[in-house]
PDB file of N, CA and C in Angstrom:
ATOM      1  N   MET A   1       0.939  -0.933  -0.328  1.00  0.00           N
ATOM      2  CA  MET A   1       0.196  -0.165  -0.048  1.00  0.00           C
ATOM      3  C   MET A   1       0.742   1.312   0.107  1.00  0.00           C
ATOM      4  N   ARG A   2       0.378   2.198  -1.178  1.00  0.00           N
ATOM      5  CA  ARG A   2       1.686   3.502  -0.916  1.00  0.00           C
ATOM      6  C   ARG A   2       0.705   4.320  -0.571  1.00  0.00           C
ATOM      7  N   LEU A   3       1.166   5.657  -0.063  1.00  0.00           N
ATOM      8  CA  LEU A   3       0.592   6.498   0.495  1.00  0.00           C
ATOM      9  C   LEU A   3       0.620   7.613  -0.736  1.00  0.00           C
ATOM     10  N   PRO A   4      -1.144   8.528  -0.357  1.00  0.00           N
ATOM     11  CA  PRO A   4      -0.842   9.463  -1.588  1.00  0.00           C
ATOM     12  C   PRO A   4      -0.086  10.453  -1.724  1.00  0.00           C
ATOM     13  N   TRP A   5       0.512  11.056  -1.029  1.00  0.00           N
ATOM     14  CA  TRP A   5       1.971  11.641  -1.033  1.00  0.00           C
ATOM     15  C   TRP A   5       3.267  11.296  -1.616  1.00  0.00           C
ATOM     16  N   ASP A   6       3.317   9.957  -1.989  1.00  0.00           N
ATOM     17  CA  ASP A   6       4.608   8.912  -2.093  1.00  0.00           C
ATOM     18  C   ASP A   6       5.104   9.970  -3.228  1.00  0.00           C
ATOM     19  N   GLU A   7       4.441   9.992  -4.403  1.00  0.00           N
ATOM     20  CA  GLU A   7       4.861  10.613  -5.791  1.00  0.00           C
ATOM     21  C   GLU A   7       4.815  12.294  -5.665  1.00  0.00           C
ATOM     22  N   TRP A   8       4.557  12.889  -4.654  1.00  0.00           N
ATOM     23  CA  TRP A   8       4.670  14.357  -4.622  1.00  0.00           C
ATOM     24  C   TRP A   8       6.348  14.546  -5.343  1.00  0.00           C
ATOM     25  N   GLU A   9       6.504  15.616  -6.015  1.00  0.00           N
ATOM     26  CA  GLU A   9       7.541  16.080  -6.242  1.00  0.00           C
ATOM     27  C   GLU A   9       7.739  17.666  -6.087  1.00  0.00           C
ATOM     28  N   ALA A  10       8.754  17.999  -5.058  1.00  0.00           N
ATOM     29  CA  ALA A  10       8.743  19.308  -4.474  1.00  0.00           C
ATOM     30  C   ALA A  10       9.565  20.000  -5.421  1.00  0.00           C
ATOM     31  N   THR A  11       9.101  21.032  -5.855  1.00  0.00           N
ATOM     32  CA  THR A  11       9.982  22.206  -6.911  1.00  0.00           C
ATOM     33  C   THR A  11      10.572  23.267  -5.890  1.00  0.00           C
ATOM     34  N   ASN A  12      10.414  23.631  -4.860  1.00  0.00           N
ATOM     35  CA  ASN A  12      10.788  24.707  -4.087  1.00  0.00           C
ATOM     36  C   ASN A  12      12.402  23.894  -3.127  1.00  0.00           C
ATOM     37  N   GLU A  13      13.491  24.770  -3.287  1.00  0.00           N
ATOM     38  CA  GLU A  13      14.605  24.215  -2.685  1.00  0.00           C
ATOM     39  C   GLU A  13      14.611  24.272  -1.553  1.00  0.00           C
ATOM     40  N   GLU A  14      13.710  25.359  -0.770  1.00  0.00           N
ATOM     41  CA  GLU A  14      13.715  25.368   0.655  1.00  0.00           C
ATOM     42  C   GLU A  14      12.750  24.663   0.835  1.00  0.00           C
ATOM     43  N   VAL A  15      11.293  23.899   0.354  1.00  0.00           N
ATOM     44  CA  VAL A  15      10.630  23.368   1.125  1.00  0.00           C
ATOM     45  C   VAL A  15      11.228  21.753   0.942  1.00  0.00           C
ATOM     46  N   GLU A  16      12.419  21.318   0.157  1.00  0.00           N
ATOM     47  CA  GLU A  16      13.046  20.143   0.194  1.00  0.00           C
ATOM     48  C   GLU A  16      13.811  19.900   1.183  1.00  0.00           C
ATOM     49  N   GLN A  17      14.387  20.994   1.468  1.00  0.00           N
ATOM     50  CA  GLN A  17      15.522  21.015   2.432  1.00  0.00           C
ATOM     51  C   GLN A  17      14.727  20.968   3.966  1.00  0.00           C
ATOM     52  N   VAL A  18      13.643  21.553   4.211  1.00  0.00           N
ATOM     53  CA  VAL A  18      12.818  21.569   5.287  1.00  0.00           C
ATOM     54  C   VAL A  18      12.344  19.891   5.897  1.00  0.00           C
ATOM     55  N   ALA A  19      11.794  19.689   4.311  1.00  0.00           N
ATOM     56  CA  ALA A  19      11.362  18.253   4.785  1.00  0.00           C
ATOM     57  C   ALA A  19      12.595  17.099   4.403  1.00  0.00           C
ATOM     58  N   SER A  20      13.774  17.549   4.144  1.00  0.00           N
ATOM     59  CA  SER A  20      14.571  16.387   4.613  1.00  0.00           C
ATOM     60  C   SER A  20      15.321  16.411   6.284  1.00  0.00           C
ATOM     61  N   LYS A  21      15.267  17.745   6.413  1.00  0.00           N
ATOM     62  CA  LYS A  21      15.707  17.700   7.886  1.00  0.00           C
ATOM     63  C   LYS A  21      14.639  17.242   8.845  1.00  0.00           C
ATOM     64  N   PHE A  22      13.027  17.472   8.316  1.00  0.00           N
ATOM     65  CA  PHE A  22      11.960  16.235   9.091  1.00  0.00           C
ATOM     66  C   PHE A  22      11.923  14.920   9.412  1.00  0.00           C
ATOM     67  N   ILE A  23      12.554  14.780   7.614  1.00  0.00           N
ATOM     68  CA  ILE A  23      12.384  13.272   7.945  1.00  0.00           C
ATOM     69  C   ILE A  23      13.652  12.559   8.371  1.00  0.00           C
ATOM     70  N   LEU A  24      15.007  12.956   8.567  1.00  0.00           N
ATOM     71  CA  LEU A  24      15.628  12.579   8.998  1.00  0.00           C
ATOM     72  C   LEU A  24      15.763  12.587  10.663  1.00  0.00           C
ATOM     73  N   ALA A  25      14.936  13.498  11.150  1.00  0.00           N
ATOM     74  CA  ALA A  25      14.782  13.886  12.848  1.00  0.00           C
ATOM     75  C   ALA A  25      13.707  12.763  13.144  1.00  0.00           C
ATOM     76  N   ASN A  26      13.202  12.350  12.555  1.00  0.00           N
ATOM     77  CA  ASN A  26      11.609  11.640  12.887  1.00  0.00           C
ATOM     78  C   ASN A  26      11.892  10.051  12.409  1.00  0.00           C
ATOM     79  N   CYS A  27      12.963   9.730  11.932  1.00  0.00           N
ATOM     80  CA  CYS A  27      12.928   8.956  11.106  1.00  0.00           C
ATOM     81  C   CYS A  27      13.775   7.756  12.518  1.00  0.00           C
ATOM     82  N   TYR A  28      13.431   6.230  11.901  1.00  0.00           N
ATOM     83  CA  TYR A  28      14.238   5.047  13.431  1.00  0.00           C
ATOM     84  C   TYR A  28      15.411   4.909  12.572  1.00  0.00           C
ATOM     85  N   ASN A  29      16.210   5.060  11.096  1.00  0.00           N
ATOM     86  CA  ASN A  29      17.382   4.777  11.094  1.00  0.00           C
ATOM     87  C   ASN A  29      17.570   5.818   9.911  1.00  0.00           C
ATOM     88  N   PRO A  30      18.517   6.530  10.602  1.00  0.00           N
ATOM     89  CA  PRO A  30      19.135   8.031   9.796  1.00  0.00           C
ATOM     90  C   PRO A  30      19.617   7.624   8.647  1.00  0.00           C
ATOM     91  N   GLN A  31      20.685   6.127   8.403  1.00  0.00           N
ATOM     92  CA  GLN A  31      21.505   6.100   7.437  1.00  0.00           C
ATOM     93  C   GLN A  31      20.562   5.188   6.265  1.00  0.00           C
ATOM     94  N   VAL A  32      19.129   4.864   6.548  1.00  0.00           N
ATOM     95  CA  VAL A  32      18.265   4.517   5.738  1.00  0.00           C
ATOM     96  C   VAL A  32      17.801   5.542   5.040  1.00  0.00           C
ATOM     97  N   ALA A  33      17.383   6.469   5.848  1.00  0.00           N
ATOM     98  CA  ALA A  33      16.637   7.516   5.174  1.00  0.00           C
ATOM     99  C   ALA A  33      17.431   8.042   4.871  1.00  0.00           C
ATOM    100  N   GLY A  34      18.807   8.625   4.560  1.00  0.00           N
ATOM    101  CA  GLY A  34      19.510   9.634   4.144  1.00  0.00           C
ATOM    102  C   GLY A  34      19.678   9.254   2.623  1.00  0.00           C
ATOM    103  N   SER A  35      19.829   7.578   2.754  1.00  0.00           N
ATOM    104  CA  SER A  35      20.249   7.114   1.526  1.00  0.00           C
ATOM    105  C   SER A  35      18.949   7.006   0.479  1.00  0.00           C
ATOM    106  N   ILE A  36      17.964   7.079   0.888  1.00  0.00           N
ATOM    107  CA  ILE A  36      16.849   6.803   0.121  1.00  0.00           C
ATOM    108  C   ILE A  36      16.561   8.060  -0.176  1.00  0.00           C
ATOM    109  N   LEU A  37      16.711   9.484   0.378  1.00  0.00           N
ATOM    110  CA  LEU A  37      16.722  10.542   0.334  1.00  0.00           C
ATOM    111  C   LEU A  37      17.691  11.082  -0.890  1.00  0.00           C
ATOM    112  N   GLN A  38      18.991  10.337  -1.014  1.00  0.00           N
ATOM    113  CA  GLN A  38      20.141  10.710  -1.914  1.00  0.00           C
ATOM    114  C   GLN A  38      19.662  10.482  -3.189  1.00  0.00           C
ATOM    115  N   GLU A  39      19.177   9.224  -2.969  1.00  0.00           N
ATOM    116  CA  GLU A  39      18.249   8.441  -4.749  1.00  0.00           C
ATOM    117  C   GLU A  39      17.513   9.519  -4.911  1.00  0.00           C
ATOM    118  N   LYS A  40      16.656   9.730  -4.504  1.00  0.00           N
ATOM    119  CA  LYS A  40      15.641  10.705  -4.488  1.00  0.00           C
ATOM    120  C   LYS A  40      16.213  12.020  -5.460  1.00  0.00           C
ATOM    121  N   GLN A  41      17.055  12.543  -4.668  1.00  0.00           N
ATOM    122  CA  GLN A  41      17.574  14.220  -5.141  1.00  0.00           C
ATOM    123  C   GLN A  41      18.353  13.634  -6.454  1.00  0.00           C
ATOM    124  N   GLN A  42      19.169  12.762  -6.769  1.00  0.00           N
ATOM    125  CA  GLN A  42      19.892  12.282  -7.695  1.00  0.00           C
ATOM    126  C   GLN A  42      18.641  12.002  -9.169  1.00  0.00           C
ATOM    127  N   GLU A  43      17.420  11.909  -9.085  1.00  0.00           N
ATOM    128  CA  GLU A  43      16.556  11.398 -10.370  1.00  0.00           C
ATOM    129  C   GLU A  43      16.232  13.023 -10.606  1.00  0.00           C
TER     130      GLU A  43
END
């Protein structure tokens, strides 16, 4: 099951930075979350 906002693409760089900080601050494993965020940025 996927969440509705899973495919959302942020176009504002400031929004992306805040979202990345939020994800890393609230995840169980920062290493996994960080690698996923890096993959998304490369796309």
